[in-house]
Amino acid sequence: MTKIQTVIKELREKHPIQLEDFQNVHNAYMRDRKKYQDTFNQKGKEILKILRKYENILCGKQERSNMARYSSSLSEKYWIEIKKDFPMIDFVGAKIS
């Protein structure tokens, strides 16, 4: 198991309720962006804090060493994995008019 997979597994084990709640809101937002925008942004802010915490767990030590280039690549791979479950995660905080 890669380090990314290990960190994501830990994330899923420690935060199943938050991830499931956000998945439900995320799916509703994909169907009707205007109707679920506020809920999506509110739940999204909470889940982003958790996701960034695990990104820091994954990449934090490399950024302080000579592995900074590797860290950005690792971070990018982490977010690709997250976007498999939450393809609209980049829209957290966006306003649709």
PDB file of N, CA and C in Angstrom:
ATOM      1  N   MET A   1       0.851  -1.174   0.000  1.00  0.00           N
ATOM      2  CA  MET A   1       0.000   0.000   0.000  1.00  0.00           C
ATOM      3  C   MET A   1       0.902   1.246   0.000  1.00  0.00           C
ATOM      4  N   THR A   2       0.605   2.186  -0.872  1.00  0.00           N
ATOM      5  CA  THR A   2       1.407   3.407  -0.930  1.00  0.00           C
ATOM      6  C   THR A   2       1.098   4.303   0.265  1.00  0.00           C
ATOM      7  N   LYS A   3       1.946   5.271   0.466  1.00  0.00           N
ATOM      8  CA  LYS A   3       1.744   6.202   1.577  1.00  0.00           C
ATOM      9  C   LYS A   3       0.438   6.981   1.398  1.00  0.00           C
ATOM     10  N   ILE A   4       0.126   7.347   0.165  1.00  0.00           N
ATOM     11  CA  ILE A   4      -1.131   8.063  -0.107  1.00  0.00           C
ATOM     12  C   ILE A   4      -2.318   7.194   0.286  1.00  0.00           C
ATOM     13  N   GLN A   5      -2.297   5.949  -0.137  1.00  0.00           N
ATOM     14  CA  GLN A   5      -3.398   5.035   0.188  1.00  0.00           C
ATOM     15  C   GLN A   5      -3.524   4.825   1.694  1.00  0.00           C
ATOM     16  N   THR A   6      -2.392   4.760   2.382  1.00  0.00           N
ATOM     17  CA  THR A   6      -2.400   4.588   3.833  1.00  0.00           C
ATOM     18  C   THR A   6      -3.030   5.790   4.516  1.00  0.00           C
ATOM     19  N   VAL A   7      -2.659   6.992   4.076  1.00  0.00           N
ATOM     20  CA  VAL A   7      -3.202   8.212   4.678  1.00  0.00           C
ATOM     21  C   VAL A   7      -4.698   8.326   4.384  1.00  0.00           C
ATOM     22  N   ILE A   8      -5.110   8.012   3.168  1.00  0.00           N
ATOM     23  CA  ILE A   8      -6.535   8.089   2.824  1.00  0.00           C
ATOM     24  C   ILE A   8      -7.330   7.040   3.591  1.00  0.00           C
ATOM     25  N   LYS A   9      -6.769   5.866   3.774  1.00  0.00           N
ATOM     26  CA  LYS A   9      -7.431   4.825   4.571  1.00  0.00           C
ATOM     27  C   LYS A   9      -7.635   5.313   6.006  1.00  0.00           C
ATOM     28  N   GLU A  10      -6.591   5.917   6.575  1.00  0.00           N
ATOM     29  CA  GLU A  10      -6.696   6.458   7.930  1.00  0.00           C
ATOM     30  C   GLU A  10      -7.756   7.557   7.995  1.00  0.00           C
ATOM     31  N   LEU A  11      -7.778   8.410   6.997  1.00  0.00           N
ATOM     32  CA  LEU A  11      -8.790   9.473   6.915  1.00  0.00           C
ATOM     33  C   LEU A  11     -10.191   8.872   6.937  1.00  0.00           C
ATOM     34  N   ARG A  12     -10.413   7.863   6.133  1.00  0.00           N
ATOM     35  CA  ARG A  12     -11.739   7.223   6.063  1.00  0.00           C
ATOM     36  C   ARG A  12     -12.109   6.511   7.355  1.00  0.00           C
ATOM     37  N   GLU A  13     -11.112   5.940   8.026  1.00  0.00           N
ATOM     38  CA  GLU A  13     -11.385   5.233   9.276  1.00  0.00           C
ATOM     39  C   GLU A  13     -11.706   6.191  10.419  1.00  0.00           C
ATOM     40  N   LYS A  14     -11.055   7.347  10.440  1.00  0.00           N
ATOM     41  CA  LYS A  14     -11.222   8.280  11.554  1.00  0.00           C
ATOM     42  C   LYS A  14     -12.357   9.282  11.346  1.00  0.00           C
ATOM     43  N   HIS A  15     -12.804   9.468  10.125  1.00  0.00           N
ATOM     44  CA  HIS A  15     -13.835  10.476   9.849  1.00  0.00           C
ATOM     45  C   HIS A  15     -14.952   9.944   8.935  1.00  0.00           C
ATOM     46  N   PRO A  16     -15.480   8.756   9.209  1.00  0.00           N
ATOM     47  CA  PRO A  16     -16.488   8.193   8.304  1.00  0.00           C
ATOM     48  C   PRO A  16     -17.787   8.999   8.268  1.00  0.00           C
ATOM     49  N   ILE A  17     -18.201   9.526   9.401  1.00  0.00           N
ATOM     50  CA  ILE A  17     -19.470  10.261   9.455  1.00  0.00           C
ATOM     51  C   ILE A  17     -19.370  11.563   8.673  1.00  0.00           C
ATOM     52  N   GLN A  18     -18.283  12.319   8.881  1.00  0.00           N
ATOM     53  CA  GLN A  18     -18.094  13.583   8.172  1.00  0.00           C
ATOM     54  C   GLN A  18     -17.997  13.356   6.661  1.00  0.00           C
ATOM     55  N   LEU A  19     -17.275  12.311   6.269  1.00  0.00           N
ATOM     56  CA  LEU A  19     -17.118  12.021   4.841  1.00  0.00           C
ATOM     57  C   LEU A  19     -18.448  11.605   4.217  1.00  0.00           C
ATOM     58  N   GLU A  20     -19.211  10.803   4.936  1.00  0.00           N
ATOM     59  CA  GLU A  20     -20.515  10.369   4.418  1.00  0.00           C
ATOM     60  C   GLU A  20     -21.475  11.551   4.312  1.00  0.00           C
ATOM     61  N   ASP A  21     -21.505  12.401   5.324  1.00  0.00           N
ATOM     62  CA  ASP A  21     -22.360  13.591   5.280  1.00  0.00           C
ATOM     63  C   ASP A  21     -22.001  14.473   4.088  1.00  0.00           C
ATOM     64  N   PHE A  22     -20.696  14.691   3.908  1.00  0.00           N
ATOM     65  CA  PHE A  22     -20.272  15.529   2.795  1.00  0.00           C
ATOM     66  C   PHE A  22     -20.560  14.855   1.465  1.00  0.00           C
ATOM     67  N   GLN A  23     -20.426  13.536   1.393  1.00  0.00           N
ATOM     68  CA  GLN A  23     -20.717  12.816   0.145  1.00  0.00           C
ATOM     69  C   GLN A  23     -22.180  13.023  -0.255  1.00  0.00           C
ATOM     70  N   ASN A  24     -23.083  12.972   0.725  1.00  0.00           N
ATOM     71  CA  ASN A  24     -24.506  13.192   0.438  1.00  0.00           C
ATOM     72  C   ASN A  24     -24.754  14.608  -0.072  1.00  0.00           C
ATOM     73  N   VAL A  25     -24.155  15.591   0.589  1.00  0.00           N
ATOM     74  CA  VAL A  25     -24.305  16.988   0.159  1.00  0.00           C
ATOM     75  C   VAL A  25     -23.653  17.188  -1.214  1.00  0.00           C
ATOM     76  N   HIS A  26     -22.493  16.592  -1.395  1.00  0.00           N
ATOM     77  CA  HIS A  26     -21.761  16.691  -2.659  1.00  0.00           C
ATOM     78  C   HIS A  26     -22.607  16.146  -3.811  1.00  0.00           C
ATOM     79  N   ASN A  27     -23.217  14.980  -3.604  1.00  0.00           N
ATOM     80  CA  ASN A  27     -24.054  14.389  -4.649  1.00  0.00           C
ATOM     81  C   ASN A  27     -25.270  15.259  -4.950  1.00  0.00           C
ATOM     82  N   ALA A  28     -25.874  15.830  -3.915  1.00  0.00           N
ATOM     83  CA  ALA A  28     -27.012  16.731  -4.117  1.00  0.00           C
ATOM     84  C   ALA A  28     -26.565  17.982  -4.876  1.00  0.00           C
ATOM     85  N   TYR A  29     -25.407  18.508  -4.536  1.00  0.00           N
ATOM     86  CA  TYR A  29     -24.858  19.691  -5.210  1.00  0.00           C
ATOM     87  C   TYR A  29     -24.589  19.412  -6.685  1.00  0.00           C
ATOM     88  N   MET A  30     -24.160  18.216  -7.005  1.00  0.00           N
ATOM     89  CA  MET A  30     -23.920  17.862  -8.404  1.00  0.00           C
ATOM     90  C   MET A  30     -25.220  17.868  -9.207  1.00  0.00           C
ATOM     91  N   ARG A  31     -26.341  17.558  -8.553  1.00  0.00           N
ATOM     92  CA  ARG A  31     -27.641  17.554  -9.231  1.00  0.00           C
ATOM     93  C   ARG A  31     -28.217  18.956  -9.372  1.00  0.00           C
ATOM     94  N   ASP A  32     -28.063  19.787  -8.333  1.00  0.00           N
ATOM     95  CA  ASP A  32     -28.664  21.130  -8.344  1.00  0.00           C
ATOM     96  C   ASP A  32     -27.754  22.087  -7.583  1.00  0.00           C
ATOM     97  N   ARG A  33     -26.881  22.753  -8.296  1.00  0.00           N
ATOM     98  CA  ARG A  33     -25.869  23.601  -7.670  1.00  0.00           C
ATOM     99  C   ARG A  33     -26.472  24.793  -6.936  1.00  0.00           C
ATOM    100  N   LYS A  34     -27.453  25.425  -7.513  1.00  0.00           N
ATOM    101  CA  LYS A  34     -28.028  26.617  -6.868  1.00  0.00           C
ATOM    102  C   LYS A  34     -28.738  26.258  -5.564  1.00  0.00           C
ATOM    103  N   LYS A  35     -29.501  25.208  -5.586  1.00  0.00           N
ATOM    104  CA  LYS A  35     -30.287  24.824  -4.417  1.00  0.00           C
ATOM    105  C   LYS A  35     -29.400  24.417  -3.234  1.00  0.00           C
ATOM    106  N   TYR A  36     -28.314  23.710  -3.498  1.00  0.00           N
ATOM    107  CA  TYR A  36     -27.492  23.157  -2.425  1.00  0.00           C
ATOM    108  C   TYR A  36     -26.191  23.914  -2.201  1.00  0.00           C
ATOM    109  N   GLN A  37     -26.042  25.073  -2.815  1.00  0.00           N
ATOM    110  CA  GLN A  37     -24.791  25.819  -2.733  1.00  0.00           C
ATOM    111  C   GLN A  37     -24.401  26.159  -1.299  1.00  0.00           C
ATOM    112  N   ASP A  38     -25.294  26.699  -0.517  1.00  0.00           N
ATOM    113  CA  ASP A  38     -24.954  27.099   0.854  1.00  0.00           C
ATOM    114  C   ASP A  38     -24.557  25.905   1.723  1.00  0.00           C
ATOM    115  N   THR A  39     -25.335  24.837   1.635  1.00  0.00           N
ATOM    116  CA  THR A  39     -25.026  23.635   2.411  1.00  0.00           C
ATOM    117  C   THR A  39     -23.696  23.039   1.969  1.00  0.00           C
ATOM    118  N   PHE A  40     -23.477  23.003   0.662  1.00  0.00           N
ATOM    119  CA  PHE A  40     -22.229  22.470   0.113  1.00  0.00           C
ATOM    120  C   PHE A  40     -21.033  23.280   0.604  1.00  0.00           C
ATOM    121  N   ASN A  41     -21.151  24.585   0.587  1.00  0.00           N
ATOM    122  CA  ASN A  41     -20.042  25.433   1.038  1.00  0.00           C
ATOM    123  C   ASN A  41     -19.792  25.277   2.532  1.00  0.00           C
ATOM    124  N   GLN A  42     -20.850  25.192   3.317  1.00  0.00           N
ATOM    125  CA  GLN A  42     -20.699  25.041   4.764  1.00  0.00           C
ATOM    126  C   GLN A  42     -20.043  23.699   5.108  1.00  0.00           C
ATOM    127  N   LYS A  43     -20.597  22.617   4.590  1.00  0.00           N
ATOM    128  CA  LYS A  43     -20.023  21.283   4.860  1.00  0.00           C
ATOM    129  C   LYS A  43     -18.639  21.159   4.219  1.00  0.00           C
ATOM    130  N   GLY A  44     -18.469  21.804   3.067  1.00  0.00           N
ATOM    131  CA  GLY A  44     -17.201  21.744   2.353  1.00  0.00           C
ATOM    132  C   GLY A  44     -16.069  22.385   3.133  1.00  0.00           C
ATOM    133  N   LYS A  45     -16.344  23.493   3.814  1.00  0.00           N
ATOM    134  CA  LYS A  45     -15.305  24.139   4.628  1.00  0.00           C
ATOM    135  C   LYS A  45     -14.838  23.208   5.729  1.00  0.00           C
ATOM    136  N   GLU A  46     -15.787  22.505   6.338  1.00  0.00           N
ATOM    137  CA  GLU A  46     -15.444  21.568   7.408  1.00  0.00           C
ATOM    138  C   GLU A  46     -14.599  20.412   6.872  1.00  0.00           C
ATOM    139  N   ILE A  47     -15.011  19.853   5.739  1.00  0.00           N
ATOM    140  CA  ILE A  47     -14.294  18.697   5.203  1.00  0.00           C
ATOM    141  C   ILE A  47     -12.931  19.105   4.655  1.00  0.00           C
ATOM    142  N   LEU A  48     -12.823  20.314   4.121  1.00  0.00           N
ATOM    143  CA  LEU A  48     -11.525  20.781   3.621  1.00  0.00           C
ATOM    144  C   LEU A  48     -10.496  20.885   4.746  1.00  0.00           C
ATOM    145  N   LYS A  49     -10.935  21.303   5.925  1.00  0.00           N
ATOM    146  CA  LYS A  49     -10.020  21.353   7.074  1.00  0.00           C
ATOM    147  C   LYS A  49      -9.461  19.964   7.359  1.00  0.00           C
ATOM    148  N   ILE A  50     -10.329  18.974   7.331  1.00  0.00           N
ATOM    149  CA  ILE A  50      -9.913  17.595   7.589  1.00  0.00           C
ATOM    150  C   ILE A  50      -8.989  17.105   6.477  1.00  0.00           C
ATOM    151  N   LEU A  51      -9.365  17.357   5.230  1.00  0.00           N
ATOM    152  CA  LEU A  51      -8.560  16.895   4.094  1.00  0.00           C
ATOM    153  C   LEU A  51      -7.179  17.542   4.092  1.00  0.00           C
ATOM    154  N   ARG A  52      -7.118  18.820   4.424  1.00  0.00           N
ATOM    155  CA  ARG A  52      -5.826  19.510   4.465  1.00  0.00           C
ATOM    156  C   ARG A  52      -4.959  19.006   5.617  1.00  0.00           C
ATOM    157  N   LYS A  53      -5.597  18.642   6.710  1.00  0.00           N
ATOM    158  CA  LYS A  53      -4.850  18.066   7.833  1.00  0.00           C
ATOM    159  C   LYS A  53      -4.133  16.788   7.378  1.00  0.00           C
ATOM    160  N   TYR A  54      -4.848  15.945   6.632  1.00  0.00           N
ATOM    161  CA  TYR A  54      -4.238  14.708   6.170  1.00  0.00           C
ATOM    162  C   TYR A  54      -3.232  14.949   5.046  1.00  0.00           C
ATOM    163  N   GLU A  55      -3.434  15.982   4.269  1.00  0.00           N
ATOM    164  CA  GLU A  55      -2.424  16.363   3.280  1.00  0.00           C
ATOM    165  C   GLU A  55      -1.135  16.770   3.997  1.00  0.00           C
ATOM    166  N   ASN A  56      -1.275  17.512   5.092  1.00  0.00           N
ATOM    167  CA  ASN A  56      -0.099  17.911   5.875  1.00  0.00           C
ATOM    168  C   ASN A  56       0.593  16.710   6.514  1.00  0.00           C
ATOM    169  N   ILE A  57      -0.182  15.754   6.956  1.00  0.00           N
ATOM    170  CA  ILE A  57       0.393  14.526   7.494  1.00  0.00           C
ATOM    171  C   ILE A  57       1.203  13.824   6.411  1.00  0.00           C
ATOM    172  N   LEU A  58       0.664  13.802   5.208  1.00  0.00           N
ATOM    173  CA  LEU A  58       1.318  13.128   4.091  1.00  0.00           C
ATOM    174  C   LEU A  58       2.573  13.863   3.624  1.00  0.00           C
ATOM    175  N   CYS A  59       2.497  15.173   3.523  1.00  0.00           N
ATOM    176  CA  CYS A  59       3.556  15.954   2.861  1.00  0.00           C
ATOM    177  C   CYS A  59       4.401  16.809   3.791  1.00  0.00           C
ATOM    178  N   GLY A  60       3.975  17.017   5.005  1.00  0.00           N
ATOM    179  CA  GLY A  60       4.620  17.978   5.893  1.00  0.00           C
ATOM    180  C   GLY A  60       6.105  17.794   6.100  1.00  0.00           C
ATOM    181  N   LYS A  61       6.538  16.578   6.311  1.00  0.00           N
ATOM    182  CA  LYS A  61       7.954  16.338   6.596  1.00  0.00           C
ATOM    183  C   LYS A  61       8.830  16.556   5.368  1.00  0.00           C
ATOM    184  N   GLN A  62       8.310  16.250   4.185  1.00  0.00           N
ATOM    185  CA  GLN A  62       9.101  16.446   2.977  1.00  0.00           C
ATOM    186  C   GLN A  62       9.339  17.917   2.685  1.00  0.00           C
ATOM    187  N   GLU A  63       8.368  18.764   3.003  1.00  0.00           N
ATOM    188  CA  GLU A  63       8.499  20.192   2.710  1.00  0.00           C
ATOM    189  C   GLU A  63       9.641  20.820   3.504  1.00  0.00           C
ATOM    190  N   ARG A  64       9.932  20.269   4.668  1.00  0.00           N
ATOM    191  CA  ARG A  64      11.001  20.816   5.497  1.00  0.00           C
ATOM    192  C   ARG A  64      12.366  20.212   5.167  1.00  0.00           C
ATOM    193  N   SER A  65      12.382  19.234   4.283  1.00  0.00           N
ATOM    194  CA  SER A  65      13.649  18.603   3.919  1.00  0.00           C
ATOM    195  C   SER A  65      14.015  18.965   2.478  1.00  0.00           C
ATOM    196  N   ASN A  66      14.989  18.249   1.916  1.00  0.00           N
ATOM    197  CA  ASN A  66      15.360  18.511   0.525  1.00  0.00           C
ATOM    198  C   ASN A  66      14.403  17.824  -0.443  1.00  0.00           C
ATOM    199  N   MET A  67      13.285  17.361   0.025  1.00  0.00           N
ATOM    200  CA  MET A  67      12.329  16.640  -0.814  1.00  0.00           C
ATOM    201  C   MET A  67      11.134  17.516  -1.208  1.00  0.00           C
ATOM    202  N   ALA A  68      11.291  18.812  -1.259  1.00  0.00           N
ATOM    203  CA  ALA A  68      10.178  19.725  -1.515  1.00  0.00           C
ATOM    204  C   ALA A  68       9.524  19.460  -2.866  1.00  0.00           C
ATOM    205  N   ARG A  69      10.313  19.166  -3.884  1.00  0.00           N
ATOM    206  CA  ARG A  69       9.731  18.857  -5.209  1.00  0.00           C
ATOM    207  C   ARG A  69       8.852  17.615  -5.131  1.00  0.00           C
ATOM    208  N   TYR A  70       9.330  16.619  -4.446  1.00  0.00           N
ATOM    209  CA  TYR A  70       8.577  15.389  -4.265  1.00  0.00           C
ATOM    210  C   TYR A  70       7.275  15.664  -3.510  1.00  0.00           C
ATOM    211  N   SER A  71       7.322  16.568  -2.556  1.00  0.00           N
ATOM    212  CA  SER A  71       6.163  16.912  -1.754  1.00  0.00           C
ATOM    213  C   SER A  71       5.034  17.476  -2.606  1.00  0.00           C
ATOM    214  N   SER A  72       5.348  18.366  -3.543  1.00  0.00           N
ATOM    215  CA  SER A  72       4.291  18.939  -4.376  1.00  0.00           C
ATOM    216  C   SER A  72       3.676  17.874  -5.280  1.00  0.00           C
ATOM    217  N   SER A  73       4.483  16.964  -5.768  1.00  0.00           N
ATOM    218  CA  SER A  73       3.974  15.870  -6.589  1.00  0.00           C
ATOM    219  C   SER A  73       3.090  14.941  -5.754  1.00  0.00           C
ATOM    220  N   LEU A  74       3.516  14.665  -4.544  1.00  0.00           N
ATOM    221  CA  LEU A  74       2.752  13.818  -3.634  1.00  0.00           C
ATOM    222  C   LEU A  74       1.408  14.471  -3.302  1.00  0.00           C
ATOM    223  N   SER A  75       1.440  15.765  -3.050  1.00  0.00           N
ATOM    224  CA  SER A  75       0.216  16.510  -2.759  1.00  0.00           C
ATOM    225  C   SER A  75      -0.749  16.445  -3.941  1.00  0.00           C
ATOM    226  N   GLU A  76      -0.225  16.623  -5.126  1.00  0.00           N
ATOM    227  CA  GLU A  76      -1.064  16.566  -6.325  1.00  0.00           C
ATOM    228  C   GLU A  76      -1.709  15.193  -6.475  1.00  0.00           C
ATOM    229  N   LYS A  77      -0.965  14.140  -6.228  1.00  0.00           N
ATOM    230  CA  LYS A  77      -1.503  12.774  -6.312  1.00  0.00           C
ATOM    231  C   LYS A  77      -2.572  12.540  -5.245  1.00  0.00           C
ATOM    232  N   TYR A  78      -2.346  13.104  -4.069  1.00  0.00           N
ATOM    233  CA  TYR A  78      -3.324  12.992  -2.978  1.00  0.00           C
ATOM    234  C   TYR A  78      -4.661  13.614  -3.408  1.00  0.00           C
ATOM    235  N   TRP A  79      -4.606  14.824  -3.968  1.00  0.00           N
ATOM    236  CA  TRP A  79      -5.844  15.496  -4.370  1.00  0.00           C
ATOM    237  C   TRP A  79      -6.515  14.796  -5.549  1.00  0.00           C
ATOM    238  N   ILE A  80      -5.748  14.155  -6.403  1.00  0.00           N
ATOM    239  CA  ILE A  80      -6.345  13.363  -7.489  1.00  0.00           C
ATOM    240  C   ILE A  80      -7.164  12.223  -6.894  1.00  0.00           C
ATOM    241  N   GLU A  81      -6.631  11.585  -5.861  1.00  0.00           N
ATOM    242  CA  GLU A  81      -7.362  10.507  -5.194  1.00  0.00           C
ATOM    243  C   GLU A  81      -8.623  11.032  -4.508  1.00  0.00           C
ATOM    244  N   ILE A  82      -8.516  12.174  -3.851  1.00  0.00           N
ATOM    245  CA  ILE A  82      -9.679  12.771  -3.180  1.00  0.00           C
ATOM    246  C   ILE A  82     -10.755  13.120  -4.199  1.00  0.00           C
ATOM    247  N   LYS A  83     -10.351  13.648  -5.348  1.00  0.00           N
ATOM    248  CA  LYS A  83     -11.308  14.073  -6.381  1.00  0.00           C
ATOM    249  C   LYS A  83     -12.007  12.902  -7.050  1.00  0.00           C
ATOM    250  N   LYS A  84     -11.505  11.691  -6.866  1.00  0.00           N
ATOM    251  CA  LYS A  84     -12.223  10.518  -7.364  1.00  0.00           C
ATOM    252  C   LYS A  84     -13.550  10.368  -6.624  1.00  0.00           C
ATOM    253  N   ASP A  85     -13.550  10.694  -5.327  1.00  0.00           N
ATOM    254  CA  ASP A  85     -14.779  10.634  -4.528  1.00  0.00           C
ATOM    255  C   ASP A  85     -15.548  11.947  -4.556  1.00  0.00           C
ATOM    256  N   PHE A  86     -14.818  13.056  -4.618  1.00  0.00           N
ATOM    257  CA  PHE A  86     -15.428  14.388  -4.549  1.00  0.00           C
ATOM    258  C   PHE A  86     -14.959  15.254  -5.724  1.00  0.00           C
ATOM    259  N   PRO A  87     -15.450  14.997  -6.931  1.00  0.00           N
ATOM    260  CA  PRO A  87     -14.972  15.758  -8.087  1.00  0.00           C
ATOM    261  C   PRO A  87     -15.280  17.256  -8.028  1.00  0.00           C
ATOM    262  N   MET A  88     -16.220  17.668  -7.204  1.00  0.00           N
ATOM    263  CA  MET A  88     -16.604  19.080  -7.115  1.00  0.00           C
ATOM    264  C   MET A  88     -15.930  19.789  -5.935  1.00  0.00           C
ATOM    265  N   ILE A  89     -14.966  19.163  -5.292  1.00  0.00           N
ATOM    266  CA  ILE A  89     -14.336  19.728  -4.095  1.00  0.00           C
ATOM    267  C   ILE A  89     -13.730  21.099  -4.366  1.00  0.00           C
ATOM    268  N   ASP A  90     -13.268  21.338  -5.586  1.00  0.00           N
ATOM    269  CA  ASP A  90     -12.682  22.631  -5.918  1.00  0.00           C
ATOM    270  C   ASP A  90     -13.711  23.765  -5.920  1.00  0.00           C
ATOM    271  N   PHE A  91     -14.988  23.432  -5.895  1.00  0.00           N
ATOM    272  CA  PHE A  91     -16.036  24.442  -5.925  1.00  0.00           C
ATOM    273  C   PHE A  91     -16.484  24.876  -4.534  1.00  0.00           C
ATOM    274  N   VAL A  92     -15.889  24.325  -3.497  1.00  0.00           N
ATOM    275  CA  VAL A  92     -16.222  24.762  -2.136  1.00  0.00           C
ATOM    276  C   VAL A  92     -15.866  26.239  -2.010  1.00  0.00           C
ATOM    277  N   GLY A  93     -16.841  27.022  -1.595  1.00  0.00           N
ATOM    278  CA  GLY A  93     -16.635  28.463  -1.447  1.00  0.00           C
ATOM    279  C   GLY A  93     -17.045  29.260  -2.660  1.00  0.00           C
ATOM    280  N   ALA A  94     -17.299  28.605  -3.779  1.00  0.00           N
ATOM    281  CA  ALA A  94     -17.702  29.311  -5.000  1.00  0.00           C
ATOM    282  C   ALA A  94     -19.143  29.779  -4.882  1.00  0.00           C
ATOM    283  N   LYS A  95     -19.434  30.911  -5.484  1.00  0.00           N
ATOM    284  CA  LYS A  95     -20.793  31.452  -5.500  1.00  0.00           C
ATOM    285  C   LYS A  95     -21.339  31.363  -6.919  1.00  0.00           C
ATOM    286  N   ILE A  96     -22.486  30.747  -7.050  1.00  0.00           N
ATOM    287  CA  ILE A  96     -23.134  30.636  -8.352  1.00  0.00           C
ATOM    288  C   ILE A  96     -24.288  31.613  -8.381  1.00  0.00           C
ATOM    289  N   SER A  97     -24.275  32.456  -9.376  1.00  0.00           N
ATOM    290  CA  SER A  97     -25.356  33.453  -9.447  1.00  0.00           C
ATOM    291  C   SER A  97     -26.313  33.151 -10.568  1.00  0.00           C
TER     292      SER A  97
END
